[in-house]
Amino acid sequence: MERDASRQGSISLPPPSQPTSRASASSDKSSVQTLPPAANNVTNNVTPVQPGPNPPNNVQPFGMDQGPHPPNDDQEFEMDPPVSVPEHIQPGYSTELKKDLEEKHTNMIAFSAAVGIGFFLQAGRVTYLAGPGLAWIAYILMGTAVWSAMASLGEMTALFPVKGAIFEFPSRFVDEGIGYACGWMSWFAWVVIVAAEVTAIVELFDFKIDPSYLQQFNYPLGYTISWVSTEKISPAVFVALWLFFILGVNLLRVRWYGEIEYWIGVTKMVFFVGLILFNVINNARTKTFFRYYQEPYGFESKGFTSSRGEFREGGSAHFAGMGTAMIVTLFSMIGFETVAITAPENKDLETEENIKLATRKISLRIILLYTLGVFVVGLNVPYDDPQLIDTSVNALNNGAHSIFVIAAVRAGVRGFPSFFNGFFIFSATSAGMNALYISSRLLHALANVPAVWPSWPIAQSIRHRLARTTGSGVPAAAVLTSWFFGWLGMLATRTNTSQTLGRMATNSTVSILIVYAVNCAAFLFFYQWLANSTFPSRRPRIHAINANAYNREDSIRYPYKSHWQYLRAAYGMVACSIMVFFNGWRSISSPLKGSDFVASYISIFIFLFLTAAYHVRIDNTWNPWKWSRRVSLDLSNPQSVHRPDPRRRRGRLHRQDPDRFLTRGNVEGLWEWILVWLK
């Protein structure tokens, strides 16, 4: 069979003992049946082979159902390229995304996706639950857990920049049913976030601070801080206006969208730095210094208040407060995976270390800015401030209860509370735009996998339409479908908007945490099979021109390696799993709170249901003991990078003249290093 040049990066794997078709092929006779595991995610650097009348007999998926042959040094087998027509070779329309995003776009899209309303509106609740000192420790702990998960996903994505990376790798290395369940859960979590951000905007427009609270800080009698002009406008108006605006931006070609998000991300970063400096200056001006870290306040909270108003002290109370605070921080961490989701539209993967640098940048920026932000604001606001007290299980209050607004009010700085609240609306708008972008790309990736859809003709017809892209590479049908679910934001027109918003945030957070944990597990399997593909004494082996692309020790060609990543993946998997199972512990305490319990744990049941439904369809039995673990273990077509000198890797500080300190070359190297990390 004639081999395309772009496919010379395939790996050598022993054939299965018995030929079997992949899950997607056996489940849908009308869909692609002879595709190898990578065929459902064909990237732009792969040229498919046109099918003949009969596929070669040696082209078979590699599955765990049969297990590999034992090592045999006398034979060498090689995976062949696809022999069936992929989804994007369809007459009349395209299903391919455009590679128009640059490194700066990827960085700022991920940053803007993470920085929405979570930190600005919930940092005060974290401080109230744990105390000012433990609050920033909670952000560090949860930040490292999410970073570990994203480093796992980032390394796999850098080597294989496929569509829907967040569910593709679990399906390759853990189980197809689990992987596809992750895909649907990720998509639904992000469409819920679209609705949550719009709901938050409605909540933020209801901005009013109690006059009695203002008088405690020597504000004139009758002085108010409120947005009176928006009080009589129906929340439905805000929901509709913002949803149509978010839709319009997402229908732009991805290059324009990337430019818009780049400048929004820069604005957010400047605001974040200004917010930190604002609190530092206010602390020096009011001379409070570390007063709120000491008695009678303290580094940690004095105790824990239950949802029934019962106050408890002691070690168990401190543990409950810290644990709950860590759970609350997680909603503000969602979005790190955006780096992997943008990979199919990133045009600099081979020439630049984009995935590696973007993953590290988003992690370091978020953890550093969140930690510094909650640390400095804790210098100006006591953790038991009346505006911070909130004993509800799931709630996300408006801007009047933001600890940053409260810090400005307590310092007597007029104008800044309203300015901060206005910026929170701006931040929620951009986060909603990114949530729709992410959900549409996930749905588009799912639409390219026939096996995750029912075999009914109407379902397959919908799938084909969702897989289509416009001439500019925008998956318009996937955008519109995901946007439709944003109308859940109409729930903001009801009473108890803060609790509705809190439950949306909790539900989406738990769904994403499940996906993070599964991707960490996928990396552990990926790591083991990558080692088997690298060392000559093991099987499967690589017999290809770019075989070194699989070698984690090859600093010239391997695109992304993190030190101790195997242990970090295990840490991320355990941490995310613990947060999933204990996130709703307060809803179970007497009395049982049904709505909060559902918001906290429904995602687990949905995950199990989706996984089971896939295996019932594929294995044709309701007996879980007869279900088979289906994986492809596909390591074909790696993305190799080329660095002539690994010592000159981007992101590292290079001294051109190591024997002297202050030289022109060393200054230029320092400036280049700063630009890389600011980009």
Foldseek 3Di string as FASTA:
>chain_A
DDADPLQLFWFWFAAFPDADWALLQLQFVVDDTQAELCQLWDFPSDDADEADPDDDPRAGFHKPQRPGDADDPVDIGTHGGTRYDALQPDPPFGLAFAQQDELLLLQLLLQLLLQAQLLQQCLLLLCLLWNLQLLLVLLLVLLLLLLLLLQLLLLVCLWPLTFLSLLSLLCFFPFVLLSLLLLVLLLVLLLLLLLLLLLQLLQLLADWADQVVLVVQPDDPPDIDGNPVCPPPFSVVSLVVLLVVLLVLLPDQVNSNSVVSSVLSVVVLVVLVVLLVVLVVLCVVVVLAQVLCDPPFHSTHQFAAALVGDTDGDDVRSVVSSLQSSLSSLLSRPRLNSSSNCSSNHDCSFAALSSALSSVLSSVSVSVSSSSNSNSLSSQDHSVDVLSDDNDLFFRHYLNSGSSLVSCSNSVPPPVSVVVSVVSSVSSSSNSSSSLNSSLSSLLSSLSRSLLWRNDPVRVVLSSLQSGADPSRRSSSSSVVSSVSSVVSCCSSDPPSGRVSRLSSQLSSLSVLSSSLSSLVSSLSLVVVLVQQQDPVHPDHGDGPVSCCSPLPPLFWPSHDDPPSNVSSVSSNVVSVVCLVCNQVSCVPPPHDVSSVCSRHVSVVSSVVSSQVSQCSSVVDNDPVSGDRTHSNGSGSTRIYGDPDSVPHQLDQDAPDVVDDDDPRNVVSVVSNVVSSVD
